[in-house]
Protein backbone atom coordinates (compact mmCIF):
# COMPACT_ATOMS: atom_id res chain seq x y z
CA MET A 1 -48.18 198.23 216.29
CA ALA A 2 -44.49 198.43 217.08
CA THR A 3 -42.29 195.54 215.98
CA PRO A 4 -40.97 193.71 219.04
CA ALA A 5 -37.25 193.98 219.57
CA PRO A 6 -35.32 190.82 218.69
CA ASN A 7 -34.54 188.60 221.62
CA PRO A 8 -30.86 187.58 221.40
CA THR A 9 -31.39 184.69 223.79
CA ARG A 10 -34.25 183.06 221.83
CA ALA A 11 -31.88 181.12 219.56
CA GLN A 12 -29.93 179.79 222.50
CA VAL A 13 -30.58 176.27 223.73
CA PRO A 14 -32.09 176.47 227.21
CA PRO A 15 -30.07 174.82 229.96
CA LEU A 16 -31.10 171.41 231.20
CA GLY A 17 -33.35 171.43 234.24
CA THR A 18 -32.51 169.74 237.49
CA GLU A 19 -32.73 166.00 237.23
CA ARG A 20 -35.80 164.84 239.09
CA PRO A 21 -35.57 161.84 241.39
CA VAL A 22 -37.06 158.53 240.32
CA VAL A 23 -39.36 157.25 243.04
CA TRP A 24 -39.46 153.49 242.74
CA PRO A 25 -42.66 151.75 243.78
CA ARG A 26 -42.18 148.92 246.23
CA ARG A 27 -41.01 145.63 244.82
CA PHE A 28 -41.96 142.25 246.21
CA ARG A 29 -40.18 138.98 245.49
CA ARG A 30 -41.03 135.41 246.31
CA THR A 31 -40.32 131.92 245.00
CA LEU A 32 -43.19 129.45 244.89
CA ALA A 33 -42.80 125.92 246.22
CA ASN A 34 -42.44 124.60 242.65
CA GLY A 35 -39.45 126.89 242.00
CA LEU A 36 -41.21 129.67 240.03
CA GLU A 37 -39.51 132.97 240.85
CA VAL A 38 -41.95 135.90 241.09
CA ALA A 39 -41.37 139.66 241.30
CA LEU A 40 -44.23 142.15 241.67
CA VAL A 41 -44.41 145.95 241.50
CA GLU A 42 -47.54 147.83 242.57
CA THR A 43 -48.38 150.85 240.38
CA ARG A 44 -51.85 152.35 240.80
CA THR A 45 -51.76 155.00 238.05
CA ILE A 46 -53.93 153.12 235.53
CA PRO A 47 -56.23 150.08 235.96
CA LYS A 48 -53.96 147.76 234.03
CA PHE A 49 -51.83 144.68 234.65
CA THR A 50 -48.64 144.01 232.67
CA ALA A 51 -46.42 140.94 233.04
CA ASP A 52 -43.70 138.83 231.46
CA LEU A 53 -43.18 135.14 232.09
CA TYR A 54 -39.60 134.30 231.16
CA ILE A 55 -38.45 130.75 230.44
CA ARG A 56 -34.67 130.66 230.92
CA SER A 57 -34.16 128.67 227.70
CA GLY A 58 -33.97 129.81 224.11
CA ASN A 59 -32.69 128.90 220.68
CA ALA A 60 -29.15 128.34 221.94
CA VAL A 61 -30.15 125.14 223.76
CA ALA A 62 -32.47 123.72 221.09
CA THR A 63 -31.53 120.69 219.01
CA LEU A 64 -31.99 122.66 215.77
CA PRO A 65 -31.46 126.38 215.11
CA GLY A 66 -34.66 128.36 215.66
CA LEU A 67 -36.52 125.43 217.22
CA ALA A 68 -37.25 127.36 220.44
CA GLN A 69 -38.92 130.13 218.45
CA MET A 70 -41.01 127.65 216.50
CA THR A 71 -42.01 125.97 219.76
CA ALA A 72 -43.12 129.33 221.17
CA THR A 73 -45.03 130.24 218.02
CA VAL A 74 -46.97 126.98 217.88
CA ALA A 75 -47.61 126.92 221.64
CA ARG A 76 -49.46 130.22 221.23
CA THR A 77 -51.90 128.70 218.72
CA GLY A 78 -53.89 126.47 221.07
CA THR A 79 -54.12 124.53 224.33
CA SER A 80 -55.90 121.41 225.54
CA ARG A 81 -58.82 123.68 226.52
CA ARG A 82 -58.89 126.39 223.81
CA THR A 83 -58.38 126.73 220.10
CA SER A 84 -56.55 129.65 218.56
CA HIS A 85 -59.86 131.43 217.89
CA GLN A 86 -61.01 130.91 221.46
CA ILE A 87 -57.76 132.37 222.76
CA GLU A 88 -58.23 135.48 220.64
CA ASP A 89 -61.87 135.85 221.70
CA ALA A 90 -60.90 135.62 225.37
CA LEU A 91 -58.14 138.23 225.00
CA ARG A 92 -60.51 140.65 223.30
CA GLY A 93 -63.03 140.21 226.10
CA TRP A 94 -60.43 141.05 228.73
CA GLY A 95 -58.99 144.02 226.85
CA ALA A 96 -55.73 142.08 226.76
CA ASP A 97 -52.92 141.04 224.46
CA LEU A 98 -50.43 138.19 224.64
CA SER A 99 -47.33 137.38 222.62
CA ILE A 100 -44.62 134.77 222.95
CA SER A 101 -41.15 134.78 221.41
CA ALA A 102 -37.76 133.16 221.90
CA GLY A 103 -34.30 134.68 221.68
CA ALA A 104 -30.93 133.02 222.10
CA ASP A 105 -31.21 132.53 225.87
CA THR A 106 -34.80 133.22 226.89
CA THR A 107 -38.38 132.59 225.86
CA SER A 108 -40.76 135.37 226.87
CA VAL A 109 -44.53 135.31 227.27
CA ALA A 110 -45.53 138.99 227.39
CA PHE A 111 -49.11 139.77 228.39
CA ALA A 112 -51.14 142.73 229.53
CA GLY A 113 -54.76 143.63 230.12
CA LEU A 114 -57.27 145.29 232.38
CA ALA A 115 -56.40 144.70 236.03
CA GLU A 116 -59.81 143.22 236.82
CA PHE A 117 -59.08 140.34 234.44
CA ALA A 118 -55.60 139.55 235.78
CA ARG A 119 -56.57 136.10 237.09
CA PRO A 120 -58.15 134.72 233.90
CA LEU A 121 -55.18 136.11 231.97
CA LEU A 122 -52.79 134.29 234.31
CA ASP A 123 -54.81 131.10 233.84
CA LEU A 124 -54.49 131.42 230.06
CA VAL A 125 -50.72 131.88 230.32
CA TYR A 126 -50.54 128.74 232.45
CA GLU A 127 -52.43 126.82 229.78
CA ILE A 128 -50.00 127.99 227.12
CA VAL A 129 -46.84 127.05 229.05
CA ARG A 130 -48.24 123.80 230.49
CA GLU A 131 -51.02 122.53 228.23
CA ALA A 132 -50.18 123.65 224.68
CA SER A 133 -51.80 121.24 222.21
CA PHE A 134 -49.28 121.54 219.33
CA SER A 135 -51.92 120.85 216.72
CA ALA A 136 -50.44 119.13 213.66
CA GLU A 137 -52.34 121.52 211.42
CA GLU A 138 -51.06 124.64 213.24
CA PHE A 139 -47.52 123.24 213.29
CA GLU A 140 -47.49 122.67 209.54
CA ARG A 141 -48.97 126.09 208.84
CA GLU A 142 -46.36 127.85 210.99
CA ARG A 143 -43.54 125.82 209.45
CA ARG A 144 -44.62 126.83 205.92
CA GLN A 145 -44.80 130.48 206.96
CA LYS A 146 -41.32 130.28 208.50
CA ILE A 147 -39.85 128.91 205.29
CA GLU A 148 -41.48 131.67 203.25
CA GLY A 149 -40.18 134.24 205.71
CA LEU A 150 -36.65 132.88 205.41
CA ARG A 151 -36.78 133.17 201.63
CA ILE A 152 -37.59 136.86 202.02
CA ASP A 153 -34.93 137.30 204.73
CA ARG A 154 -32.26 135.99 202.38
CA THR A 155 -32.85 138.92 200.08
CA THR A 156 -32.34 141.40 202.95
CA PRO A 157 -28.84 142.79 203.57
CA GLU A 158 -29.46 143.40 207.29
CA PHE A 159 -30.45 139.76 207.85
CA LEU A 160 -27.51 138.38 205.87
CA ALA A 161 -25.06 140.63 207.72
CA ALA A 162 -26.41 139.61 211.13
CA GLU A 163 -26.29 135.93 210.18
CA ARG A 164 -22.70 136.08 208.96
CA LEU A 165 -21.64 138.16 211.97
CA ARG A 166 -22.83 135.51 214.43
CA LYS A 167 -21.00 132.75 212.57
CA VAL A 168 -17.81 134.80 212.46
CA LEU A 169 -17.81 135.78 216.12
CA PHE A 170 -19.04 132.56 217.73
CA GLY A 171 -17.69 129.72 215.57
CA ALA A 172 -18.77 126.37 217.06
CA HIS A 173 -20.75 127.97 219.92
CA SER A 174 -24.53 127.70 219.59
CA TYR A 175 -24.78 131.52 219.54
CA ALA A 176 -23.45 131.26 215.98
CA ASP A 177 -26.89 130.07 214.82
CA TYR A 178 -28.66 133.36 214.14
CA ALA A 179 -31.41 131.72 212.09
CA PRO A 180 -32.22 128.30 210.64
CA THR A 181 -31.88 127.37 207.00
CA GLU A 182 -34.89 126.27 204.98
CA GLN A 183 -33.61 122.70 205.17
CA GLN A 184 -33.40 122.88 208.97
CA VAL A 185 -36.97 124.14 209.20
CA GLU A 186 -38.03 121.31 206.92
CA ALA A 187 -36.44 118.95 209.46
CA TYR A 188 -38.56 120.29 212.35
CA SER A 189 -41.10 117.82 213.66
CA ARG A 190 -44.07 118.24 215.95
CA GLU A 191 -42.44 115.68 218.26
CA ALA A 192 -39.25 117.77 218.49
CA LEU A 193 -41.27 120.82 219.53
CA ILE A 194 -43.10 118.87 222.20
CA ALA A 195 -39.83 117.41 223.52
CA TYR A 196 -38.27 120.89 223.78
CA TYR A 197 -41.42 122.23 225.43
CA ARG A 198 -41.56 119.48 228.06
CA GLU A 199 -37.89 119.78 228.91
CA ASN A 200 -37.62 123.56 229.15
CA TYR A 201 -41.04 124.97 230.09
CA ALA A 202 -40.67 124.27 233.81
CA PRO A 203 -41.43 126.45 236.86
CA ALA A 204 -37.93 126.03 238.28
CA ASN A 205 -36.66 127.38 234.94
CA ALA A 206 -38.96 130.42 234.93
CA LEU A 207 -39.37 133.98 236.21
CA LEU A 208 -42.65 135.90 236.39
CA VAL A 209 -42.53 139.71 236.61
CA GLY A 210 -45.82 141.54 237.15
CA VAL A 211 -46.47 145.28 237.31
CA GLY A 212 -49.79 147.00 237.75
CA ASP A 213 -52.85 148.06 239.65
CA PHE A 214 -53.06 145.32 242.26
CA SER A 215 -52.34 144.50 245.86
CA ALA A 216 -49.27 142.30 246.13
CA ASP A 217 -50.90 140.23 248.86
CA VAL A 218 -53.86 139.49 246.59
CA MET A 219 -51.68 138.91 243.52
CA TRP A 220 -49.55 136.29 245.32
CA LYS A 221 -52.72 134.27 245.85
CA GLU A 222 -53.78 134.66 242.22
CA ILE A 223 -50.37 133.55 240.96
CA GLU A 224 -50.28 130.63 243.37
CA GLY A 225 -53.74 129.60 242.22
CA ALA A 226 -52.80 129.83 238.54
CA PHE A 227 -49.28 128.32 238.62
CA GLY A 228 -49.07 126.37 241.87
CA ASP A 229 -49.73 123.00 240.17
CA TRP A 230 -47.06 123.56 237.51
CA LYS A 231 -44.28 121.00 237.89
CA GLY A 232 -40.86 120.50 236.40
CA ALA A 233 -37.16 120.74 237.21
CA PRO A 234 -34.68 123.00 235.42
CA PRO A 235 -33.07 121.30 232.41
CA GLU A 236 -29.44 120.27 232.38
CA ARG A 237 -27.08 122.41 230.33
CA ALA A 238 -24.23 121.05 228.21
CA ALA A 239 -20.88 122.84 228.17
CA GLU A 240 -20.26 125.09 225.16
CA PRO A 241 -16.99 125.65 223.27
CA GLU A 242 -15.36 129.05 223.63
CA PRO A 243 -15.76 131.49 220.72
CA PRO A 244 -12.70 131.80 218.47
CA LYS A 245 -10.06 134.46 219.13
CA SER A 246 -9.69 137.05 216.37
CA HIS A 247 -6.23 138.18 215.23
CA GLY A 248 -6.16 141.05 212.78
CA ARG A 249 -8.93 142.46 210.64
CA HIS A 250 -10.74 140.12 208.31
CA VAL A 251 -13.45 140.83 205.74
CA TYR A 252 -16.43 138.52 205.12
CA PHE A 253 -18.25 139.51 201.95
CA VAL A 254 -21.78 138.28 201.19
CA HIS A 255 -22.65 138.70 197.53
CA LEU A 256 -26.19 139.98 196.93
CA PRO A 257 -26.52 140.58 193.17
CA GLY A 258 -28.14 143.84 192.18
CA ALA A 259 -28.09 145.40 195.68
CA VAL A 260 -28.23 149.19 195.38
CA GLN A 261 -27.00 149.70 198.94
CA THR A 262 -24.34 147.92 200.96
CA GLN A 263 -24.72 146.77 204.56
CA ILE A 264 -21.56 147.19 206.64
CA VAL A 265 -20.96 145.68 210.09
CA VAL A 266 -17.76 146.00 212.12
CA ALA A 267 -17.68 143.89 215.29
CA ASN A 268 -15.68 142.23 218.03
CA MET A 269 -16.31 140.22 221.20
CA ALA A 270 -17.01 142.19 224.38
CA ILE A 271 -18.66 141.49 227.78
CA THR A 272 -22.00 140.67 229.42
CA ARG A 273 -24.07 142.90 231.70
CA ARG A 274 -22.68 141.10 234.75
CA HIS A 275 -19.17 142.39 234.06
CA PRO A 276 -18.09 145.30 236.28
CA ASP A 277 -17.08 147.29 233.17
CA TRP A 278 -20.58 147.16 231.63
CA MET A 279 -21.61 150.68 232.64
CA ARG A 280 -18.38 152.16 231.31
CA LEU A 281 -18.80 150.28 228.05
CA ALA A 282 -22.42 151.43 227.73
CA LEU A 283 -21.34 155.06 228.14
CA ALA A 284 -18.50 154.69 225.62
CA ASN A 285 -20.90 153.07 223.14
CA ASN A 286 -23.50 155.86 223.46
CA LEU A 287 -20.81 158.47 222.97
CA PHE A 288 -19.36 156.66 219.96
CA GLY A 289 -22.45 155.61 218.00
CA GLY A 290 -25.29 154.45 220.23
CA ALA A 291 -27.13 157.77 220.43
CA PHE A 292 -28.51 160.08 217.75
CA ASN A 293 -26.04 162.86 218.61
CA SER A 294 -23.05 160.50 218.78
CA ARG A 295 -19.72 160.89 217.00
CA LEU A 296 -20.47 158.26 214.36
CA VAL A 297 -23.79 159.87 213.45
CA ARG A 298 -22.29 163.35 213.24
CA ASN A 299 -19.47 162.10 211.04
CA ILE A 300 -20.92 159.77 208.42
CA ARG A 301 -24.56 160.91 208.51
CA GLU A 302 -24.61 164.66 209.14
CA GLU A 303 -21.21 165.77 207.79
CA LYS A 304 -20.64 163.34 204.94
CA GLY A 305 -24.09 162.02 204.09
CA TYR A 306 -22.94 158.44 203.56
CA THR A 307 -25.91 156.87 205.37
CA TYR A 308 -29.12 157.77 207.12
CA SER A 309 -28.86 155.57 210.20
CA PRO A 310 -25.40 154.45 211.38
CA ARG A 311 -25.44 152.77 214.75
CA SER A 312 -23.21 151.08 217.29
CA SER A 313 -24.49 148.66 219.90
CA VAL A 314 -23.34 146.48 222.77
CA HIS A 315 -25.07 143.10 222.80
CA ALA A 316 -25.18 141.12 226.05
CA LEU A 317 -26.08 137.46 225.78
CA ARG A 318 -26.08 135.19 228.83
CA GLN A 319 -22.64 133.69 228.25
CA HIS A 320 -20.92 136.25 226.02
CA GLY A 321 -21.28 139.76 224.67
CA PHE A 322 -20.17 141.63 221.57
CA PHE A 323 -19.85 145.15 220.20
CA SER A 324 -20.94 146.10 216.68
CA VAL A 325 -21.08 149.09 214.35
CA SER A 326 -23.54 148.95 211.46
CA ALA A 327 -24.55 151.17 208.55
CA ALA A 328 -26.35 150.83 205.22
CA VAL A 329 -24.43 153.00 202.74
CA ARG A 330 -24.42 153.87 199.06
CA ASN A 331 -22.34 151.51 196.96
CA ASP A 332 -19.90 154.22 195.95
CA VAL A 333 -18.89 155.09 199.55
CA VAL A 334 -18.26 151.67 201.11
CA ALA A 335 -14.52 152.23 201.50
CA ALA A 336 -15.01 155.82 202.63
CA ALA A 337 -17.57 154.81 205.26
CA LEU A 338 -15.35 152.03 206.63
CA THR A 339 -12.44 154.47 206.77
CA GLU A 340 -14.48 156.89 208.89
CA ILE A 341 -15.75 154.11 211.16
CA PHE A 342 -12.19 153.05 211.93
CA TYR A 343 -11.11 156.68 212.29
CA GLU A 344 -13.74 157.22 214.98
CA LEU A 345 -12.92 153.92 216.69
CA ASP A 346 -9.23 154.78 216.82
CA ARG A 347 -9.93 158.34 217.98
CA ILE A 348 -12.05 157.31 220.95
CA ARG A 349 -9.40 154.72 221.86
CA ALA A 350 -6.61 157.31 221.72
CA LEU A 351 -7.91 160.61 223.11
CA PRO A 352 -9.85 161.44 226.31
CA VAL A 353 -13.36 162.74 225.77
CA GLY A 354 -14.09 166.37 226.66
CA GLU A 355 -16.19 167.15 229.71
CA GLU A 356 -19.02 168.79 227.76
CA GLU A 357 -19.44 165.83 225.40
CA LEU A 358 -19.23 163.45 228.35
CA ALA A 359 -21.86 165.40 230.29
CA ASP A 360 -24.22 165.36 227.31
CA THR A 361 -23.88 161.58 226.97
CA ARG A 362 -24.37 161.00 230.69
CA SER A 363 -27.54 163.11 230.53
CA TYR A 364 -28.76 161.15 227.52
CA MET A 365 -28.27 157.79 229.27
CA SER A 366 -29.94 159.02 232.44
CA GLY A 367 -32.84 160.53 230.52
CA VAL A 368 -33.48 157.43 228.41
CA PHE A 369 -33.41 155.30 231.55
CA SER A 370 -35.91 157.57 233.31
CA LEU A 371 -38.24 157.67 230.30
CA GLY A 372 -38.20 153.88 230.19
CA LEU A 373 -39.68 153.76 233.67
CA GLY A 374 -42.72 155.81 232.70
CA THR A 375 -44.83 152.80 231.70
CA GLN A 376 -45.70 149.42 233.17
CA ASP A 377 -43.95 147.80 230.19
CA GLY A 378 -40.80 149.79 230.91
CA ILE A 379 -40.71 148.88 234.59
CA ALA A 380 -41.38 145.20 233.88
CA GLY A 381 -38.68 145.10 231.22
CA GLN A 382 -36.05 146.79 233.38
CA LEU A 383 -36.77 144.59 236.39
CA GLY A 384 -36.88 141.45 234.27
CA GLY A 385 -33.48 142.25 232.79
CA VAL A 386 -31.95 142.76 236.23
CA LEU A 387 -33.29 139.47 237.55
CA LEU A 388 -32.47 137.43 234.45
CA ASP A 389 -28.91 138.73 234.41
CA GLY A 390 -28.42 138.26 238.15
CA LEU A 391 -27.54 141.91 238.73
CA PRO A 392 -27.40 143.47 242.22
CA GLU A 393 -30.71 144.15 243.95
CA GLU A 394 -30.13 147.92 243.98
CA TYR A 395 -29.01 148.11 240.33
CA LEU A 396 -31.99 150.15 239.13
CA GLU A 397 -32.02 152.54 242.08
CA LYS A 398 -28.32 153.30 241.68
CA TYR A 399 -28.22 153.38 237.88
CA ARG A 400 -28.29 157.16 237.41
CA GLU A 401 -25.88 157.70 240.28
CA ARG A 402 -23.40 155.31 238.67
CA VAL A 403 -23.80 157.01 235.29
CA ARG A 404 -23.13 160.46 236.78
CA ALA A 405 -19.95 159.14 238.43
CA LEU A 406 -18.33 158.07 235.15
CA GLN A 407 -15.29 160.06 234.05
CA PRO A 408 -13.25 160.54 230.83
CA SER A 409 -10.83 157.86 232.01
CA ASP A 410 -13.70 155.35 232.15
CA VAL A 411 -14.60 156.01 228.51
CA LEU A 412 -10.98 155.75 227.40
CA GLU A 413 -10.36 152.51 229.26
CA ALA A 414 -13.60 150.90 228.04
CA ALA A 415 -12.90 151.91 224.43
CA ARG A 416 -9.37 150.53 224.55
CA ARG A 417 -10.55 147.23 226.00
CA TYR A 418 -13.75 146.61 224.09
CA PHE A 419 -13.61 148.58 220.81
CA ASP A 420 -11.03 146.22 219.33
CA SER A 421 -10.26 148.14 216.15
CA PRO A 422 -7.00 146.25 215.32
CA ASN A 423 -8.81 142.89 215.42
CA ALA A 424 -12.25 143.94 214.21
CA GLN A 425 -14.18 141.55 211.97
CA ILE A 426 -15.82 143.23 208.97
CA ILE A 427 -19.03 142.01 207.36
CA VAL A 428 -20.03 143.52 204.01
CA VAL A 429 -23.23 142.56 202.18
CA GLY A 430 -23.72 143.94 198.69
CA ASP A 431 -23.26 143.50 194.97
CA GLY A 432 -19.84 141.94 194.47
CA GLU A 433 -19.14 143.64 191.16
CA ALA A 434 -19.93 147.06 192.62
CA VAL A 435 -18.26 146.96 196.05
CA ALA A 436 -16.09 143.87 196.65
CA GLY A 437 -12.97 145.74 195.55
CA GLN A 438 -13.60 148.46 198.14
CA ALA A 439 -14.16 145.91 200.92
CA ALA A 440 -10.94 144.07 200.06
CA LEU A 441 -8.92 147.16 201.04
CA PHE A 442 -9.59 146.44 204.73
CA GLY A 443 -8.29 142.91 205.15
CA GLU A 444 -8.08 139.39 203.80
CA MET A 445 -11.49 138.58 202.34
CA GLU A 446 -13.73 135.52 202.16
CA LYS A 447 -16.84 135.50 199.96
CA PHE A 448 -20.23 133.86 200.49
CA ASP A 449 -23.55 133.71 198.68
CA ALA A 450 -26.91 134.56 200.23
CA GLN A 451 -27.36 130.91 201.30
CA GLY A 452 -24.14 131.01 203.34
CA ASN A 453 -22.03 128.97 200.91
CA SER A 454 -18.42 129.90 200.18
CA ILE A 455 -17.87 131.26 196.68
């Protein structure tokens, strides 16, 4: 048999196909008489129902750091009608799952199951947000587990870096409390959880997003039947102090004896999703370090081998946002890695991006967005984010169009405004004897132990 002739085009990367349109299913919105905001999306591809009930309160408004998360955790363990075991048995019978968690600004009850069991699942969620029993036994068990978890966290460089970063960026603002201390968890009381629950778990402080195989007309009735008796006004919010202004680079070193790797974070304040520059900043971030083929990854991962997973991110909280660059590197390349991070930051702030690189990043953003809409979870998450952040009604429909319209000047302007290299705050977590000298090359340095104490 003759050997086939080599195909010179086989090694070439095929061109991207034409971007296919995203056909959005119809959305329906309504607010119940008790103030509960509801958004529904009909998708008939699989016989499933997926939803998120968002409480517009989180750890930032709690009386102690992390109290909102503990409230959510214990609320999940039982109601006035069902024990923890009965909840799990019911979920298994409906082919469903349910989780509840709290971030800085929001508490989320995420639940999903077979569409035919949507109503009993909604009834269970109502029980959890209205009739949680807060058993003393469950509370104590969860508190002990939280303390044990914190002891493990304080041996983890990523946790220590994130904790110090929040304190550095936010100062006296409640966003500075990334996690509680063991002493603060010891100070939790069942009564404090109940007080937080009663004040914040209110229909006028909530948003329900449902996606799935249902008729919206029927689902309105089910939701009204499950949540119509829920009562409560939105809680009052106290004014917060402004985060501190940073002037010049500063290094915050957390000593973790014996660490064989060093966690680096470089960060500065930025903007929220409501800001008109958000899309430009998101594109600049993906080009810089937010995507796997970004400049930061090519530089310190592929070319130099300093780290496996460098990453940059833009973080949008309700009141403020920030930009960060993070990497776990070998102890012997801490200074070299920081040098390259600042080189890439300064380069993207100084020089316009080329059209080919820009086109690749636009395609990446558009593709990730489209992939995220391929599941009920993805649709619910995207819609929930838009509604929680108060974004325009057509935000999702126009997302890809807005991405395609971005130009090199948008990247340059966003990088100059929001990648604040001259005033970046530097967090380094590692063995002081091995790497503190390298970190000190990049600015005045303060040192802390793993418990957050100055040393």
